[in-house]
N, C-alpha and C. Protein backbone atom coordinates (compact mmCIF):
# COMPACT_ATOMS: atom_id res chain seq x y z
N MET A 1 7.56 1.55 -15.89
CA MET A 1 8.23 0.65 -16.04
C MET A 1 6.95 -0.51 -16.51
N ARG A 2 5.96 -1.14 -16.44
CA ARG A 2 5.43 -2.61 -17.10
C ARG A 2 5.08 -2.16 -18.40
N GLN A 3 5.25 -1.04 -18.71
CA GLN A 3 4.92 -0.36 -20.66
C GLN A 3 6.63 -1.09 -21.56
N LYS A 4 7.48 -0.62 -20.60
CA LYS A 4 8.79 -1.02 -20.98
C LYS A 4 8.73 -2.43 -20.56
N GLN A 5 8.18 -3.28 -19.96
CA GLN A 5 8.86 -4.73 -19.48
C GLN A 5 7.81 -5.34 -20.23
N LYS A 6 6.74 -4.73 -20.73
CA LYS A 6 5.42 -5.13 -22.18
C LYS A 6 6.38 -5.16 -22.92
N ASN A 7 6.79 -4.06 -24.11
CA ASN A 7 7.52 -3.79 -24.97
C ASN A 7 9.06 -4.65 -25.14
N THR A 8 9.51 -4.42 -24.02
CA THR A 8 10.70 -5.26 -23.79
C THR A 8 10.96 -6.42 -24.12
N GLY A 9 10.16 -6.66 -23.21
CA GLY A 9 10.27 -8.56 -22.30
C GLY A 9 11.30 -8.38 -21.39
N LEU A 10 11.84 -7.17 -20.84
CA LEU A 10 12.91 -7.42 -19.96
C LEU A 10 12.33 -6.71 -19.20
N VAL A 11 12.40 -7.53 -17.47
CA VAL A 11 12.37 -7.71 -16.24
C VAL A 11 13.54 -6.15 -15.48
N GLU A 12 12.63 -5.33 -15.14
CA GLU A 12 13.25 -4.32 -14.07
C GLU A 12 13.09 -4.32 -12.75
N THR A 13 12.37 -4.77 -12.40
CA THR A 13 12.07 -4.54 -10.83
C THR A 13 11.82 -6.06 -10.63
N LEU A 14 12.32 -6.76 -9.87
CA LEU A 14 11.97 -8.80 -9.56
C LEU A 14 10.61 -8.15 -8.12
N PRO A 15 10.08 -8.94 -8.18
CA PRO A 15 9.03 -9.56 -6.79
C PRO A 15 9.92 -10.09 -5.71
N LEU A 16 9.86 -10.02 -4.33
CA LEU A 16 10.40 -10.94 -3.60
C LEU A 16 10.32 -11.97 -3.64
N GLY A 17 11.86 -12.74 -3.47
CA GLY A 17 12.18 -13.80 -3.40
C GLY A 17 12.80 -14.06 -4.98
N TYR A 18 13.39 -13.20 -5.47
CA TYR A 18 14.46 -13.84 -6.86
C TYR A 18 14.88 -12.57 -6.50
N LEU A 19 16.19 -13.22 -7.77
CA LEU A 19 17.20 -12.33 -7.83
C LEU A 19 17.65 -11.92 -9.10
N LYS A 20 18.18 -11.15 -9.94
CA LYS A 20 18.39 -11.19 -11.29
C LYS A 20 20.37 -10.96 -11.12
N ASP A 21 21.10 -11.93 -12.13
CA ASP A 21 22.68 -11.58 -12.03
C ASP A 21 22.85 -10.35 -13.02
N LYS A 22 23.29 -9.42 -12.79
CA LYS A 22 24.13 -8.34 -13.51
C LYS A 22 24.53 -8.65 -14.61
N ASN A 23 25.66 -9.94 -14.36
CA ASN A 23 26.60 -9.81 -15.77
C ASN A 23 25.16 -10.80 -16.59
N THR A 24 25.15 -11.83 -15.87
CA THR A 24 24.14 -12.65 -17.62
C THR A 24 22.71 -12.16 -17.32
N GLY A 25 22.21 -11.71 -16.71
CA GLY A 25 20.50 -11.36 -16.73
C GLY A 25 20.41 -12.68 -16.64
N THR A 26 19.84 -12.95 -16.01
CA THR A 26 19.84 -14.96 -15.62
C THR A 26 19.13 -14.52 -14.13
N ILE A 27 17.93 -15.17 -13.92
CA ILE A 27 16.65 -14.78 -12.72
C ILE A 27 16.57 -15.95 -12.17
N SER A 28 17.27 -16.23 -10.53
CA SER A 28 17.52 -16.98 -9.93
C SER A 28 16.50 -16.71 -8.56
N ILE A 29 16.31 -17.80 -7.98
CA ILE A 29 15.61 -17.85 -6.51
C ILE A 29 16.38 -17.24 -5.09
N ASP A 30 16.11 -16.79 -4.67
CA ASP A 30 16.73 -15.42 -3.57
C ASP A 30 16.78 -16.30 -2.21
N GLU A 31 17.17 -17.31 -1.88
CA GLU A 31 17.23 -18.05 -1.06
C GLU A 31 16.96 -17.45 0.35
N GLU A 32 17.80 -16.22 0.21
CA GLU A 32 17.25 -15.39 2.12
C GLU A 32 15.85 -15.00 1.98
N THR A 33 15.29 -14.91 1.15
CA THR A 33 13.78 -14.44 1.01
C THR A 33 13.00 -15.42 0.20
N SER A 34 13.29 -16.19 0.06
CA SER A 34 12.26 -16.71 -0.77
C SER A 34 11.08 -17.44 0.69
N TRP A 35 11.43 -17.70 1.59
CA TRP A 35 10.40 -18.56 2.46
C TRP A 35 9.80 -17.55 3.06
N ILE A 36 9.89 -16.04 2.86
CA ILE A 36 9.24 -15.20 3.26
C ILE A 36 7.95 -15.60 2.33
N VAL A 37 7.72 -15.72 1.38
CA VAL A 37 6.57 -15.48 -0.06
C VAL A 37 6.12 -16.69 0.45
N ARG A 38 6.74 -17.91 0.64
CA ARG A 38 5.88 -19.29 1.21
C ARG A 38 5.27 -19.02 2.68
N GLU A 39 5.61 -18.45 3.31
CA GLU A 39 4.95 -18.55 4.43
C GLU A 39 3.99 -17.55 4.29
N VAL A 40 3.91 -16.10 3.59
CA VAL A 40 2.96 -15.24 3.30
C VAL A 40 1.73 -16.28 2.64
N PHE A 41 2.48 -16.92 1.54
CA PHE A 41 0.77 -17.70 0.92
C PHE A 41 0.39 -19.28 1.50
N ARG A 42 1.25 -19.79 2.54
CA ARG A 42 0.80 -20.40 3.48
C ARG A 42 -0.46 -20.04 4.78
N LEU A 43 -0.42 -18.94 4.91
CA LEU A 43 -0.98 -18.17 5.89
C LEU A 43 -2.23 -18.02 4.80
N TYR A 44 -1.75 -17.17 4.00
CA TYR A 44 -3.21 -16.89 2.95
C TYR A 44 -4.22 -18.02 2.70
N ILE A 45 -3.59 -19.19 1.75
CA ILE A 45 -4.40 -20.24 2.14
C ILE A 45 -5.01 -20.96 2.95
N GLU A 46 -4.53 -20.76 4.29
CA GLU A 46 -4.79 -21.20 5.93
C GLU A 46 -6.12 -20.24 6.01
N GLY A 47 -6.39 -19.24 5.06
CA GLY A 47 -7.70 -18.42 5.41
C GLY A 47 -6.91 -17.05 6.44
N TYR A 48 -5.96 -17.01 6.50
CA TYR A 48 -5.43 -15.70 6.86
C TYR A 48 -5.96 -14.58 5.82
N GLY A 49 -6.47 -12.95 6.54
CA GLY A 49 -6.84 -12.17 5.66
C GLY A 49 -4.96 -11.00 5.51
N LEU A 50 -5.31 -10.51 4.26
CA LEU A 50 -4.40 -9.59 4.31
C LEU A 50 -3.75 -8.78 5.17
N THR A 51 -4.43 -8.05 6.18
CA THR A 51 -4.29 -7.37 7.53
C THR A 51 -3.27 -8.51 8.30
N THR A 52 -4.08 -9.33 8.92
CA THR A 52 -3.50 -10.90 10.19
C THR A 52 -2.42 -11.12 9.58
N ILE A 53 -1.87 -11.40 7.95
CA ILE A 53 -0.72 -11.66 7.74
C ILE A 53 0.42 -10.52 8.11
N ALA A 54 0.14 -9.12 7.89
CA ALA A 54 0.86 -8.05 7.90
C ALA A 54 1.19 -8.22 9.35
N LYS A 55 0.33 -8.32 10.28
CA LYS A 55 0.49 -8.36 12.07
C LYS A 55 1.40 -9.32 12.15
N LYS A 56 0.90 -10.19 11.56
CA LYS A 56 1.32 -11.58 12.16
C LYS A 56 3.36 -11.48 11.40
N MET A 57 3.62 -10.58 10.66
CA MET A 57 4.96 -10.60 10.30
C MET A 57 5.11 -9.49 10.70
N ASN A 58 4.90 -8.53 11.49
CA ASN A 58 5.50 -7.17 12.03
C ASN A 58 5.46 -7.78 13.21
N ALA A 59 5.17 -8.87 13.93
CA ALA A 59 5.00 -9.03 15.39
C ALA A 59 6.39 -10.08 15.30
N GLU A 60 6.56 -11.10 14.22
CA GLU A 60 7.61 -11.55 14.37
C GLU A 60 8.90 -10.84 14.11
N GLY A 61 8.01 -9.68 13.59
CA GLY A 61 10.48 -9.35 12.78
C GLY A 61 10.71 -9.58 12.07
N ILE A 62 9.38 -10.57 10.95
CA ILE A 62 10.09 -10.70 9.61
C ILE A 62 10.28 -8.87 8.60
N LYS A 63 11.16 -8.76 7.97
CA LYS A 63 10.96 -7.36 7.65
C LYS A 63 10.28 -7.66 6.07
N SER A 64 9.83 -6.78 5.89
CA SER A 64 8.94 -6.43 4.57
C SER A 64 10.01 -6.79 3.28
N PRO A 65 8.83 -6.78 2.24
CA PRO A 65 9.63 -6.40 1.05
C PRO A 65 10.52 -5.07 0.78
N ASP A 66 10.10 -4.02 1.14
CA ASP A 66 10.83 -3.09 0.99
C ASP A 66 11.90 -2.79 1.59
N TYR A 67 12.20 -3.47 2.52
CA TYR A 67 13.22 -3.77 3.32
C TYR A 67 14.49 -4.49 2.28
N TYR A 68 14.39 -4.93 1.70
CA TYR A 68 14.44 -6.03 1.24
C TYR A 68 15.05 -5.49 -0.21
N PHE A 69 14.16 -4.67 -0.93
CA PHE A 69 14.65 -3.92 -1.90
C PHE A 69 15.39 -2.76 -2.14
N ASN A 70 15.67 -2.42 -0.60
CA ASN A 70 16.41 -1.21 -0.17
C ASN A 70 17.59 -1.93 0.66
N ARG A 71 17.86 -3.04 0.74
CA ARG A 71 18.82 -3.12 1.65
C ARG A 71 19.99 -3.37 2.15
N LYS A 72 20.75 -2.49 0.54
CA LYS A 72 21.79 -2.08 0.86
C LYS A 72 22.08 -0.33 1.74
N LEU A 73 20.65 0.06 0.95
CA LEU A 73 20.76 1.30 2.33
C LEU A 73 20.91 1.40 2.99
N SER A 74 19.75 0.07 3.45
CA SER A 74 19.54 -0.19 5.00
C SER A 74 20.51 -0.89 5.80
N ASP A 75 22.05 -1.54 5.05
CA ASP A 75 22.81 -2.18 6.02
C ASP A 75 23.59 -0.91 6.16
N HIS A 76 23.80 -0.24 5.76
CA HIS A 76 24.49 1.36 6.33
C HIS A 76 24.29 2.03 6.98
N LYS A 77 22.73 2.38 7.20
CA LYS A 77 21.65 3.50 8.05
C LYS A 77 20.68 2.15 8.29
N PRO A 78 20.99 1.45 9.83
CA PRO A 78 19.88 0.93 10.42
C PRO A 78 18.73 1.63 10.61
N GLU A 79 19.02 2.96 10.89
CA GLU A 79 17.75 3.40 11.60
C GLU A 79 16.78 3.44 10.33
N ILE A 80 16.91 3.14 9.33
CA ILE A 80 16.08 3.53 8.37
C ILE A 80 15.34 2.20 8.02
N SER A 81 16.22 1.30 8.27
CA SER A 81 15.10 -0.46 8.03
C SER A 81 14.14 -0.19 8.77
N LYS A 82 14.33 0.08 10.31
CA LYS A 82 12.74 0.50 11.15
C LYS A 82 11.47 0.88 10.83
N LYS A 83 11.97 1.77 9.27
CA LYS A 83 10.04 2.19 8.85
C LYS A 83 10.00 0.92 7.98
N TYR A 84 10.24 -0.32 7.97
CA TYR A 84 10.23 -1.19 7.26
C TYR A 84 9.14 -2.23 7.41
N LEU A 85 7.53 -1.74 7.62
CA LEU A 85 7.18 -2.86 8.51
C LEU A 85 6.18 -3.44 7.42
N TRP A 86 5.19 -4.25 7.00
CA TRP A 86 4.42 -5.05 6.59
C TRP A 86 3.31 -4.08 6.61
N CYS A 87 2.16 -3.80 5.72
CA CYS A 87 0.92 -3.22 5.70
C CYS A 87 0.09 -3.64 4.70
N ARG A 88 -1.04 -4.00 4.63
CA ARG A 88 -2.14 -4.34 4.10
C ARG A 88 -1.80 -3.15 2.70
N LEU A 89 -1.88 -3.91 1.46
CA LEU A 89 -1.83 -3.16 0.63
C LEU A 89 -3.22 -3.68 -0.46
N PRO A 90 -3.76 -2.76 -0.74
CA PRO A 90 -5.35 -3.53 -1.70
C PRO A 90 -4.89 -4.07 -2.66
């Protein structure tokens, strides 16, 4: 996927906080999730580690990026969304 993006310049998968319009291909800020990204960066800048941030997000019930990437599936099967917890990634 990264090689395709490098070769064509097309974005296939966007990070949390962004949306791509299927008709025009334009990328915009996703107001529903952008606050989560800002909060993670704020906590990191304040000196919190990745594990602590993940625990804090889980404790506050904030859904992980995986939930939002699969939100259409999660809307139809709420039991699936329960597995989307924050974890520390290397």
